[in-house]
């Protein structure tokens, strides 16, 4: 009976650990394991914003990321073209 209980506890700990590892400590289990923010930082309570107020910035962040990936894609393509030109392809 003790070995079965130990195995269940070990599997539960492994599941919790892998979830925190894959999603990050701030987002796993709804922020249950997230560190408490100090009062010096701007938080939703300090600014009077609701947690959903930050969702409007998400499309802007996605566009900024898309611009970064486009710039990287263009640079890699240019480097590949330069390499092919040097090799005579």
C-alpha atoms as a PDB file:
ATOM      1  CA  UNK A   1       0.000   0.000   0.000  1.00  0.00           C
ATOM      2  CA  UNK A   2       2.867   2.365   0.814  1.00  0.00           C
ATOM      3  CA  UNK A   3       4.576   1.797  -2.516  1.00  0.00           C
ATOM      4  CA  UNK A   4       1.363   2.568  -4.428  1.00  0.00           C
ATOM      5  CA  UNK A   5       0.880   5.797  -2.476  1.00  0.00           C
ATOM      6  CA  UNK A   6       4.502   6.789  -3.126  1.00  0.00           C
ATOM      7  CA  UNK A   7       4.088   6.092  -6.836  1.00  0.00           C
ATOM      8  CA  UNK A   8       0.937   8.222  -7.013  1.00  0.00           C
ATOM      9  CA  UNK A   9       2.637  11.102  -5.189  1.00  0.00           C
ATOM     10  CA  UNK A  10       5.653  10.824  -7.489  1.00  0.00           C
ATOM     11  CA  UNK A  11       3.481  10.884 -10.631  1.00  0.00           C
ATOM     12  CA  UNK A  12       1.516  13.860  -9.302  1.00  0.00           C
ATOM     13  CA  UNK A  13       4.743  15.749  -8.576  1.00  0.00           C
ATOM     14  CA  UNK A  14       6.035  14.906 -12.056  1.00  0.00           C
ATOM     15  CA  UNK A  15       2.812  16.181 -13.645  1.00  0.00           C
ATOM     16  CA  UNK A  16       2.925  19.439 -11.671  1.00  0.00           C
ATOM     17  CA  UNK A  17       6.604  19.924 -12.456  1.00  0.00           C
ATOM     18  CA  UNK A  18       6.181  19.318 -16.184  1.00  0.00           C
ATOM     19  CA  UNK A  19       3.206  21.673 -16.359  1.00  0.00           C
ATOM     20  CA  UNK A  20       5.149  24.433 -14.629  1.00  0.00           C
ATOM     21  CA  UNK A  21       8.151  23.765 -16.884  1.00  0.00           C
ATOM     22  CA  UNK A  22       6.117  23.877 -20.093  1.00  0.00           C
ATOM     23  CA  UNK A  23       3.819  26.834 -19.294  1.00  0.00           C
ATOM     24  CA  UNK A  24       6.034  28.839 -16.978  1.00  0.00           C
ATOM     25  CA  UNK A  25       5.543  29.610 -13.325  1.00  0.00           C
ATOM     26  CA  UNK A  26       3.365  32.660 -14.005  1.00  0.00           C
ATOM     27  CA  UNK A  27       0.806  30.862 -16.183  1.00  0.00           C
ATOM     28  CA  UNK A  28       0.645  27.335 -14.787  1.00  0.00           C
ATOM     29  CA  UNK A  29      -2.565  26.591 -12.912  1.00  0.00           C
ATOM     30  CA  UNK A  30      -3.881  30.132 -13.256  1.00  0.00           C
ATOM     31  CA  UNK A  31      -0.852  31.696 -11.564  1.00  0.00           C
ATOM     32  CA  UNK A  32      -1.187  29.605  -8.405  1.00  0.00           C
ATOM     33  CA  UNK A  33       2.584  29.233  -8.119  1.00  0.00           C
ATOM     34  CA  UNK A  34       3.393  32.745  -9.384  1.00  0.00           C
ATOM     35  CA  UNK A  35       5.474  34.902  -7.078  1.00  0.00           C
ATOM     36  CA  UNK A  36       3.640  37.724  -5.350  1.00  0.00           C
ATOM     37  CA  UNK A  37       4.420  41.100  -6.879  1.00  0.00           C
ATOM     38  CA  UNK A  38       5.778  43.791  -4.619  1.00  0.00           C
ATOM     39  CA  UNK A  39       3.832  47.001  -4.125  1.00  0.00           C
ATOM     40  CA  UNK A  40       6.616  48.974  -5.849  1.00  0.00           C
ATOM     41  CA  UNK A  41       5.836  47.421  -9.241  1.00  0.00           C
ATOM     42  CA  UNK A  42       2.928  48.509 -11.380  1.00  0.00           C
ATOM     43  CA  UNK A  43       0.255  45.901 -10.991  1.00  0.00           C
ATOM     44  CA  UNK A  44      -3.352  45.740 -12.042  1.00  0.00           C
ATOM     45  CA  UNK A  45      -4.442  46.684  -8.524  1.00  0.00           C
ATOM     46  CA  UNK A  46      -2.087  49.654  -8.334  1.00  0.00           C
ATOM     47  CA  UNK A  47      -3.131  51.052 -11.717  1.00  0.00           C
ATOM     48  CA  UNK A  48      -6.823  50.282 -11.346  1.00  0.00           C
ATOM     49  CA  UNK A  49      -6.848  48.143 -14.493  1.00  0.00           C
ATOM     50  CA  UNK A  50      -8.638  44.859 -14.678  1.00  0.00           C
ATOM     51  CA  UNK A  51      -6.738  41.750 -15.780  1.00  0.00           C
ATOM     52  CA  UNK A  52      -8.550  41.883 -19.139  1.00  0.00           C
ATOM     53  CA  UNK A  53      -7.287  45.413 -19.832  1.00  0.00           C
ATOM     54  CA  UNK A  54      -3.959  44.026 -21.071  1.00  0.00           C
ATOM     55  CA  UNK A  55      -5.588  41.936 -23.786  1.00  0.00           C
ATOM     56  CA  UNK A  56      -5.894  44.935 -26.101  1.00  0.00           C
ATOM     57  CA  UNK A  57      -2.092  45.059 -26.345  1.00  0.00           C
ATOM     58  CA  UNK A  58      -1.866  41.456 -27.532  1.00  0.00           C
ATOM     59  CA  UNK A  59      -2.508  42.164 -31.249  1.00  0.00           C
ATOM     60  CA  UNK A  60       0.115  44.931 -31.170  1.00  0.00           C
ATOM     61  CA  UNK A  61       2.602  42.512 -29.632  1.00  0.00           C
ATOM     62  CA  UNK A  62       1.768  39.940 -32.293  1.00  0.00           C
ATOM     63  CA  UNK A  63       2.349  42.501 -35.044  1.00  0.00           C
ATOM     64  CA  UNK A  64       5.687  43.495 -33.518  1.00  0.00           C
ATOM     65  CA  UNK A  65       6.748  39.856 -33.368  1.00  0.00           C
ATOM     66  CA  UNK A  66       5.657  39.376 -36.976  1.00  0.00           C
ATOM     67  CA  UNK A  67       7.839  42.312 -38.033  1.00  0.00           C
ATOM     68  CA  UNK A  68      10.813  40.815 -36.209  1.00  0.00           C
ATOM     69  CA  UNK A  69      10.321  37.440 -37.843  1.00  0.00           C
ATOM     70  CA  UNK A  70       9.924  39.087 -41.249  1.00  0.00           C
ATOM     71  CA  UNK A  71      13.218  40.928 -40.746  1.00  0.00           C
ATOM     72  CA  UNK A  72      14.968  37.722 -39.719  1.00  0.00           C
ATOM     73  CA  UNK A  73      13.457  35.846 -42.669  1.00  0.00           C
ATOM     74  CA  UNK A  74      14.675  38.523 -45.101  1.00  0.00           C
ATOM     75  CA  UNK A  75      18.168  38.485 -43.603  1.00  0.00           C
ATOM     76  CA  UNK A  76      18.422  34.690 -43.756  1.00  0.00           C
ATOM     77  CA  UNK A  77      17.161  34.674 -47.341  1.00  0.00           C
ATOM     78  CA  UNK A  78      19.729  37.308 -48.292  1.00  0.00           C
ATOM     79  CA  UNK A  79      22.505  35.300 -46.619  1.00  0.00           C
ATOM     80  CA  UNK A  80      21.426  32.149 -48.427  1.00  0.00           C
ATOM     81  CA  UNK A  81      21.368  34.004 -51.747  1.00  0.00           C
ATOM     82  CA  UNK A  82      24.871  35.402 -51.074  1.00  0.00           C
ATOM     83  CA  UNK A  83      26.144  31.910 -50.233  1.00  0.00           C
ATOM     84  CA  UNK A  84      24.630  30.460 -53.391  1.00  0.00           C
ATOM     85  CA  UNK A  85      26.132  33.276 -55.449  1.00  0.00           C
ATOM     86  CA  UNK A  86      29.605  32.587 -53.994  1.00  0.00           C
ATOM     87  CA  UNK A  87      29.317  28.870 -54.762  1.00  0.00           C
ATOM     88  CA  UNK A  88      28.112  29.538 -58.288  1.00  0.00           C
ATOM     89  CA  UNK A  89      24.601  28.100 -57.989  1.00  0.00           C
END
